[in-house]
Amino acid sequence: MIFRGRFEYTIDPKGRVNIPARFREQLQESGQESLVVTNYQGCLYAYPSDDWARIEEKLSKVSSVDRKLNTFLRFFIGGGVEVVPDKQGRILVPPSLRSYAGLDKDVVITGMPNRFEIWSLTKWQEEIGRFEKEGFEDPELAREINSLGI
């Protein structure tokens, strides 16, 4: 499932945020009602429940002796919360995840190939600003993008 587009919303005082109608339609068409939302890289990653199950399956095979990898698993898997959109198409983002991502009012929801991300508007602007300043000049990134045929 590929989520496409960027949308701006406001998170309400209870921590509910709208999921773009296009994303909800994709979830319904695939027969998935729930999402798993977790913390990563300063924002929240939202995976359809079937995709999350595949991620957990892969990560369950990882060696438990690698301290750094275990720390990542505690953070990424431990932060995961299953959510179901309500009748208005909103999900309730738990306080711990809102705090991690700095979600207090204005948010950006952006599509990605296998998930969508929920950013605070401020952090989103910082991230994109950093890319616009540095990313276009990064020869390694240019090679990687070129190797994708883009």
Protein backbone atom coordinates (compact mmCIF):
# COMPACT_ATOMS: atom_id res chain seq x y z
CA MET A 1 0.00 0.00 0.00
CA ILE A 2 1.40 3.37 -1.01
CA PHE A 3 0.22 6.52 0.71
CA ARG A 4 0.62 9.63 -1.39
CA GLY A 5 0.26 13.31 -0.56
CA ARG A 6 0.82 15.81 2.22
CA PHE A 7 -1.96 17.19 4.40
CA GLU A 8 -2.14 19.71 7.23
CA TYR A 9 -4.49 19.22 10.16
CA THR A 10 -4.95 20.37 13.72
CA ILE A 11 -4.74 17.88 16.57
CA ASP A 12 -7.53 18.48 19.07
CA PRO A 13 -7.02 18.91 22.84
CA LYS A 14 -7.89 15.23 23.40
CA GLY A 15 -5.10 14.16 21.03
CA ARG A 16 -7.27 13.20 18.06
CA VAL A 17 -6.13 13.90 14.52
CA ASN A 18 -7.86 13.33 11.19
CA ILE A 19 -6.50 10.73 8.84
CA PRO A 20 -6.73 11.94 5.23
CA ALA A 21 -9.84 10.55 3.52
CA ARG A 22 -7.70 9.10 0.72
CA PHE A 23 -5.63 7.14 3.26
CA ARG A 24 -8.78 5.89 5.06
CA GLU A 25 -10.23 4.73 1.74
CA GLN A 26 -7.06 2.77 0.97
CA LEU A 27 -7.19 1.09 4.37
CA GLN A 28 -10.85 0.18 3.94
CA GLU A 29 -10.30 -1.15 0.41
CA SER A 30 -7.53 -3.40 1.72
CA GLY A 31 -9.78 -4.64 4.53
CA GLN A 32 -7.68 -3.06 7.28
CA GLU A 33 -9.46 -1.07 9.91
CA SER A 34 -6.56 -0.45 12.28
CA LEU A 35 -3.15 1.16 12.20
CA VAL A 36 -0.13 0.83 14.42
CA VAL A 37 1.47 4.15 15.28
CA THR A 38 5.00 4.30 16.68
CA ASN A 39 7.78 6.81 17.32
CA TYR A 40 10.77 7.20 15.05
CA GLN A 41 13.08 9.95 13.76
CA GLY A 42 11.26 12.82 15.46
CA CYS A 43 7.82 11.98 14.09
CA LEU A 44 5.25 9.19 14.22
CA TYR A 45 5.10 6.35 11.72
CA ALA A 46 1.63 4.91 11.04
CA TYR A 47 1.54 1.45 9.47
CA PRO A 48 -1.49 -0.53 8.31
CA SER A 49 -1.90 -3.41 10.77
CA ASP A 50 -0.93 -6.08 8.22
CA ASP A 51 2.31 -4.28 7.38
CA TRP A 52 3.06 -3.86 11.09
CA ALA A 53 2.60 -7.61 11.62
CA ARG A 54 5.20 -8.27 8.89
CA ILE A 55 7.62 -5.81 10.53
CA GLU A 56 7.19 -7.51 13.91
CA GLU A 57 7.73 -10.91 12.30
CA LYS A 58 11.01 -9.76 10.73
CA LEU A 59 12.20 -8.10 13.91
CA SER A 60 11.36 -11.17 15.99
CA LYS A 61 14.16 -13.00 14.16
CA VAL A 62 16.80 -10.44 15.13
CA SER A 63 19.55 -11.55 17.49
CA SER A 64 18.89 -10.54 21.06
CA VAL A 65 22.59 -10.10 21.90
CA ASP A 66 23.10 -6.84 20.01
CA ARG A 67 22.61 -4.10 22.61
CA LYS A 68 22.05 -1.26 20.11
CA LEU A 69 19.53 -3.27 18.13
CA ASN A 70 17.69 -4.24 21.31
CA THR A 71 17.52 -0.60 22.30
CA PHE A 72 16.05 0.22 18.91
CA LEU A 73 13.48 -2.58 19.30
CA ARG A 74 12.47 -1.32 22.75
CA PHE A 75 11.99 2.15 21.33
CA PHE A 76 10.31 1.24 18.02
CA ILE A 77 8.22 -1.81 18.96
CA GLY A 78 7.65 -0.62 22.53
CA GLY A 79 6.28 2.65 21.21
CA GLY A 80 3.78 0.92 18.93
CA VAL A 81 0.10 1.49 19.68
CA GLU A 82 -2.82 0.07 17.70
CA VAL A 83 -5.42 2.69 16.80
CA VAL A 84 -8.72 2.54 14.91
CA PRO A 85 -10.14 5.62 13.17
CA ASP A 86 -13.44 6.76 14.66
CA LYS A 87 -16.54 7.57 12.58
CA GLN A 88 -15.11 11.03 11.81
CA GLY A 89 -11.87 9.48 10.54
CA ARG A 90 -9.76 10.54 13.52
CA ILE A 91 -7.26 8.51 15.51
CA LEU A 92 -6.40 9.09 19.14
CA VAL A 93 -2.67 9.60 19.54
CA PRO A 94 -1.54 8.60 23.05
CA PRO A 95 0.12 11.31 25.19
CA SER A 96 3.55 9.59 25.14
CA LEU A 97 3.63 9.61 21.33
CA ARG A 98 2.29 13.18 21.14
CA SER A 99 5.04 14.25 23.52
CA TYR A 100 7.78 12.44 21.58
CA ALA A 101 6.75 14.00 18.25
CA GLY A 102 5.94 17.43 19.71
CA LEU A 103 2.33 17.28 18.52
CA ASP A 104 0.43 20.06 20.18
CA LYS A 105 -1.65 21.82 17.53
CA ASP A 106 -0.66 21.96 13.86
CA VAL A 107 0.41 18.68 12.26
CA VAL A 108 1.49 17.48 8.84
CA ILE A 109 0.58 14.03 7.59
CA THR A 110 2.72 12.89 4.71
CA GLY A 111 2.48 9.74 2.64
CA MET A 112 5.30 7.28 2.24
CA PRO A 113 5.62 4.01 0.31
CA ASN A 114 4.47 1.65 3.11
CA ARG A 115 3.25 4.02 5.83
CA PHE A 116 2.38 7.61 6.51
CA GLU A 117 4.09 9.94 8.92
CA ILE A 118 2.64 12.41 11.41
CA TRP A 119 4.83 15.44 12.09
CA SER A 120 4.44 18.59 14.13
CA LEU A 121 4.29 21.43 11.62
CA THR A 122 7.38 23.00 13.22
CA LYS A 123 9.49 19.83 13.03
CA TRP A 124 8.27 19.20 9.46
CA GLN A 125 9.38 22.67 8.39
CA GLU A 126 12.78 22.13 10.04
CA GLU A 127 13.22 18.73 8.36
CA ILE A 128 12.27 19.98 4.90
CA GLY A 129 14.32 23.15 5.37
CA ARG A 130 17.37 21.05 6.25
CA PHE A 131 16.86 18.91 3.16
CA GLU A 132 16.41 21.92 0.90
CA LYS A 133 19.60 23.43 2.30
CA GLU A 134 21.78 20.30 2.37
CA GLY A 135 20.06 17.45 0.55
CA PHE A 136 20.20 18.75 -2.99
CA GLU A 137 23.95 19.24 -2.60
CA ASP A 138 24.66 15.73 -1.23
CA PRO A 139 26.46 13.72 -3.95
CA GLU A 140 25.85 10.41 -2.15
CA LEU A 141 22.11 11.07 -2.02
CA ALA A 142 22.14 12.13 -5.68
CA ARG A 143 23.79 8.81 -6.62
CA GLU A 144 21.28 6.82 -4.60
CA ILE A 145 18.31 8.66 -6.14
CA ASN A 146 19.85 8.20 -9.60
CA SER A 147 20.29 4.46 -8.97
CA LEU A 148 16.54 4.28 -8.37
CA GLY A 149 15.99 5.61 -11.88
CA ILE A 150 14.43 8.87 -10.72
